[in-house]
Protein backbone atom coordinates (compact mmCIF):
# COMPACT_ATOMS: atom_id res chain seq x y z
CA MET A 1 -0.31 0.18 0.09
CA PRO A 2 1.47 3.46 -1.20
CA THR A 3 2.24 5.65 2.18
CA ASN A 4 3.12 9.03 2.20
CA HIS A 5 6.60 8.89 2.00
CA THR A 6 6.80 5.96 -1.21
CA PRO A 7 7.37 7.10 -4.68
CA ASP A 8 3.84 6.37 -5.76
CA GLN A 9 2.36 9.35 -4.04
CA PRO A 10 4.19 12.88 -3.41
CA ASP A 11 5.15 13.79 -0.23
CA GLY A 12 1.38 14.67 1.95
CA GLU A 13 -0.46 13.15 -0.81
CA ALA A 14 -2.26 10.73 1.35
CA ALA A 15 -2.69 13.03 4.15
CA ARG A 16 -4.40 15.49 2.11
CA ARG A 17 -6.74 12.86 0.34
CA ALA A 18 -7.34 11.57 3.62
CA ALA A 19 -8.34 14.98 5.30
CA THR A 20 -10.57 15.63 2.26
CA SER A 21 -12.09 12.19 1.36
CA LYS A 22 -16.00 13.19 3.54
CA HIS A 23 -15.59 16.18 1.05
CA ARG A 24 -16.45 16.99 -2.26
CA PHE A 25 -13.24 19.25 -2.56
CA ARG A 26 -9.59 18.65 -2.06
CA ALA A 27 -7.14 20.61 -0.38
CA PRO A 28 -5.01 22.71 -2.34
CA ARG A 29 -1.42 21.17 -2.12
CA TRP A 30 0.00 24.25 -0.63
CA ALA A 31 -2.64 23.67 2.57
CA SER A 32 -1.78 20.82 2.85
CA ARG A 33 2.00 21.18 3.04
CA MET A 34 1.26 24.11 5.86
CA LEU A 35 -1.47 21.97 7.79
CA CYS A 36 -0.12 18.87 7.57
CA PRO A 37 3.19 17.75 9.37
CA HIS A 38 6.10 17.07 7.62
CA PRO A 39 8.44 14.49 8.24
CA ARG A 40 12.01 15.53 9.05
CA THR A 41 15.00 15.16 6.42
CA ILE A 42 16.97 11.78 7.19
CA ASN A 43 20.97 11.61 7.38
CA ASP A 44 22.79 9.46 5.57
CA ARG A 45 22.92 7.18 8.86
CA GLY A 46 18.88 7.00 9.10
CA GLU A 47 18.30 9.57 11.73
CA PRO A 48 16.40 13.13 11.51
CA ASP A 49 18.35 15.84 10.92
CA ALA A 50 18.00 18.77 13.42
CA ARG A 51 19.24 20.53 10.58
CA HIS A 52 16.13 20.83 8.60
CA PRO A 53 13.26 20.22 11.03
CA GLY A 54 10.60 21.27 8.56
CA GLN A 55 7.98 23.42 8.55
CA GLY A 56 7.39 25.45 11.92
CA TRP A 57 4.41 26.47 13.44
CA PRO A 58 5.86 29.90 14.10
CA VAL A 59 5.47 29.92 9.94
CA ARG A 60 2.10 28.39 9.26
CA GLN A 61 0.81 30.50 11.89
CA ARG A 62 2.24 33.22 10.06
CA VAL A 63 0.96 32.37 7.28
CA LEU A 64 -2.44 31.80 8.17
CA ARG A 65 -2.10 35.35 9.28
CA GLU A 66 -1.59 36.70 5.89
CA TYR A 67 -4.07 34.55 4.28
CA HIS A 68 -6.53 36.06 6.76
CA ALA A 69 -5.58 39.56 6.04
CA ILE A 70 -5.96 39.41 2.20
CA ASN A 71 -9.48 37.99 2.80
CA LEU A 72 -10.58 40.92 4.94
CA THR A 73 -9.24 43.05 2.48
CA LYS A 74 -10.98 41.97 -0.44
CA ALA A 75 -14.02 41.49 1.57
CA ARG A 76 -14.09 45.23 2.67
CA GLN A 77 -13.25 45.88 -0.91
CA ALA A 78 -16.38 44.01 -1.90
CA SER A 79 -18.47 45.69 0.46
CA GLU A 80 -17.14 48.79 -0.10
CA GLU A 81 -18.25 48.57 -3.97
CA MET A 82 -22.02 47.41 -3.13
CA VAL A 83 -22.34 49.94 -1.23
CA ARG A 84 -20.88 52.70 -3.21
CA ALA A 85 -23.37 51.39 -6.06
CA GLY A 86 -26.56 51.81 -3.94
CA TYR A 87 -26.93 48.12 -3.12
CA ASN A 88 -27.83 46.91 0.92
CA THR A 89 -25.51 45.83 3.04
CA GLY A 90 -26.43 43.62 6.57
CA ALA A 91 -29.80 43.57 8.27
CA ILE A 92 -32.88 45.06 6.71
CA PRO A 93 -33.88 48.42 8.58
CA TYR A 94 -37.68 48.63 9.94
CA GLY A 95 -39.53 50.13 7.50
CA TYR A 96 -38.09 48.81 4.66
CA ARG A 97 -38.18 45.73 2.68
CA ALA A 98 -35.48 43.65 0.46
CA GLN A 99 -35.92 43.99 -3.18
CA ARG A 100 -33.59 41.03 -4.78
CA VAL A 101 -32.01 42.14 -8.37
CA ARG A 102 -29.83 40.59 -10.96
CA VAL A 103 -26.62 42.36 -11.69
CA THR A 104 -23.78 41.56 -14.18
CA PRO A 105 -20.89 43.32 -13.34
CA VAL A 106 -18.12 43.81 -16.31
CA GLY A 107 -16.01 40.98 -17.02
CA ARG A 108 -17.97 38.92 -14.05
CA LYS A 109 -20.30 36.35 -13.38
CA PRO A 110 -24.71 37.27 -13.04
CA ARG A 111 -25.28 37.84 -9.49
CA TRP A 112 -28.08 38.84 -6.67
CA ARG A 113 -28.06 42.43 -5.28
CA THR A 114 -30.43 44.07 -2.06
CA ARG A 115 -32.27 47.12 -2.69
CA LEU A 116 -34.14 48.51 0.00
CA VAL A 117 -37.89 49.36 -1.09
CA ILE A 118 -40.40 51.18 1.96
CA GLU A 119 -42.79 48.98 3.91
CA PRO A 120 -45.49 52.27 4.13
CA VAL A 121 -47.16 51.47 7.35
CA GLU A 122 -43.81 51.18 9.30
CA ALA A 123 -42.27 53.73 7.36
CA ALA A 124 -45.06 55.93 8.73
CA THR A 125 -43.94 55.13 12.26
CA VAL A 126 -40.40 55.87 11.61
CA LYS A 127 -41.00 59.24 10.55
CA MET A 128 -43.73 59.46 13.51
CA LEU A 129 -40.97 58.58 16.23
CA PHE A 130 -38.44 61.39 14.04
CA ALA A 131 -41.15 63.94 14.60
CA TRP A 132 -41.61 63.19 18.15
CA ARG A 133 -37.73 63.30 18.79
CA ALA A 134 -36.80 66.33 16.56
CA GLU A 135 -40.18 68.63 17.03
CA ASP A 136 -41.68 67.79 19.83
CA GLY A 137 -38.74 67.36 22.36
CA LEU A 138 -39.92 63.60 22.99
CA THR A 139 -37.37 61.96 25.09
CA ILE A 140 -36.58 58.08 24.47
CA ALA A 141 -38.64 57.09 27.65
CA GLU A 142 -41.21 59.08 26.21
CA ILE A 143 -41.14 57.79 22.72
CA HIS A 144 -41.08 54.17 24.14
CA ARG A 145 -44.65 55.14 26.31
CA ARG A 146 -46.19 55.87 23.15
CA LEU A 147 -45.20 53.26 20.59
CA THR A 148 -45.99 50.49 23.57
CA ALA A 149 -49.38 51.88 24.95
CA ALA A 150 -50.37 52.56 21.00
CA ARG A 151 -49.11 48.78 19.93
CA TYR A 152 -47.13 50.40 17.34
CA PRO A 153 -45.89 47.57 15.01
CA ALA A 154 -42.37 47.10 16.19
CA PRO A 155 -39.69 45.53 14.47
CA LEU A 156 -39.29 41.73 13.89
CA LYS A 157 -36.16 40.08 15.91
CA ARG A 158 -33.55 39.68 13.53
CA HIS A 159 -32.25 36.24 13.83
CA THR A 160 -35.67 34.44 14.42
CA GLY A 161 -37.70 36.82 12.22
CA GLN A 162 -40.99 36.68 14.92
CA PRO A 163 -42.52 39.85 16.16
CA GLY A 164 -40.07 41.90 19.10
CA ARG A 165 -40.69 44.26 20.75
CA TRP A 166 -40.23 48.41 21.48
CA SER A 167 -37.35 49.35 23.65
CA PRO A 168 -35.21 52.05 24.24
CA GLU A 169 -32.25 50.19 22.08
CA VAL A 170 -34.04 49.61 19.08
CA ILE A 171 -35.85 53.00 19.45
CA LYS A 172 -32.05 54.76 19.31
CA SER A 173 -31.05 52.26 16.72
CA ILE A 174 -33.66 54.18 14.10
CA LEU A 175 -33.29 57.20 14.89
CA ARG A 176 -29.02 57.00 14.69
CA ASN A 177 -29.27 54.73 11.49
CA PRO A 178 -28.35 57.47 8.60
CA LYS A 179 -30.26 55.07 6.04
CA TYR A 180 -33.17 56.25 6.51
CA GLN A 181 -31.97 59.10 4.60
CA GLY A 182 -32.04 57.34 1.62
CA ARG A 183 -28.29 56.54 0.99
CA GLN A 184 -26.91 53.38 1.74
CA VAL A 185 -23.61 53.67 4.56
CA TRP A 186 -21.12 51.04 5.45
CA GLY A 187 -18.07 50.67 8.15
CA ARG A 188 -20.05 52.87 11.21
CA ARG A 189 -18.62 49.62 13.64
CA CYS A 190 -15.66 48.34 14.03
CA HIS A 191 -15.72 45.48 16.68
CA GLY A 192 -18.70 46.39 17.91
CA LYS A 193 -17.38 50.55 18.19
CA LEU A 194 -18.33 52.97 16.68
CA THR A 195 -15.90 54.27 14.02
CA PRO A 196 -15.46 57.70 13.13
CA ARG A 197 -17.74 59.34 10.56
CA ALA A 198 -14.81 60.29 8.47
CA GLN A 199 -14.37 56.25 7.99
CA TRP A 200 -17.48 56.08 7.06
CA VAL A 201 -18.48 54.48 3.00
CA TRP A 202 -20.90 56.46 1.36
CA SER A 203 -23.59 55.77 -1.77
CA PRO A 204 -24.31 58.56 -3.89
CA ALA A 205 -27.66 59.81 -2.67
CA TRP A 206 -30.92 58.58 -3.38
CA ALA A 207 -29.95 54.71 -3.18
CA HIS A 208 -33.63 54.16 -2.17
CA PRO A 209 -36.22 56.12 -1.05
CA PRO A 210 -35.80 58.38 2.19
CA ILE A 211 -38.48 58.18 4.98
CA VAL A 212 -36.99 61.32 6.53
CA SER A 213 -34.90 64.45 5.06
CA ALA A 214 -31.43 64.57 6.46
CA GLU A 215 -32.93 67.99 8.37
CA LEU A 216 -34.84 66.10 10.72
CA PHE A 217 -32.23 63.36 10.88
CA THR A 218 -29.86 65.84 12.51
CA ALA A 219 -32.73 67.52 14.34
CA ALA A 220 -33.69 64.12 16.41
CA ASN A 221 -30.24 63.63 16.60
CA GLN A 222 -29.10 66.51 18.26
CA ARG A 223 -30.67 65.31 21.25
CA THR A 224 -28.17 63.14 22.82
CA GLY A 225 -27.21 61.88 25.92
CA PRO A 226 -27.67 58.46 28.60
CA ALA A 227 -31.08 60.31 30.21
CA ARG A 228 -32.42 60.85 27.32
């Protein structure tokens, strides 16, 4: 039976086949060489040659970090490209629905992208929420009481799609979402923390129908602070 070290199969080939035998794909040769143990070089006396210990773990870790960094860069470029083209990335904001469109970029295969279209009932609630905040000067707690008492439709739970509940956090997230101005934006947060506005990636105006004007959005967000 051929082994990893017989002339019938190249070094690491059997390990590469065994590791991928239950899958529909085969790991590339560079991956098997990086992740599978490599035999040490044998000297003339039939003993491992300490001068050639094979590929060390630090080398593999460095290669994996570089590979991960390249993938992150490509993913960021793809997200920025979609946002500048006016397509939605991430969750669908309350007040909108997703409209799938098929596009064919130059020199690429056709793919599906998402545009935002208005959901009338929810959009009316969003607009009223901004008016309460900007024009009537209501606090977040007062807006929360009004929404709950009048049983306005709350946003669906993101992971289950089931009806959710109004909360101060949900209200704040709506008031702070610039997509309601009709523009796509990406990169507002990094590792859960808000990034500087200068680093955000914006689409041209009117990527989708706006629910509130830029003036109303700005006025609603001028009232900030933990007690509000």
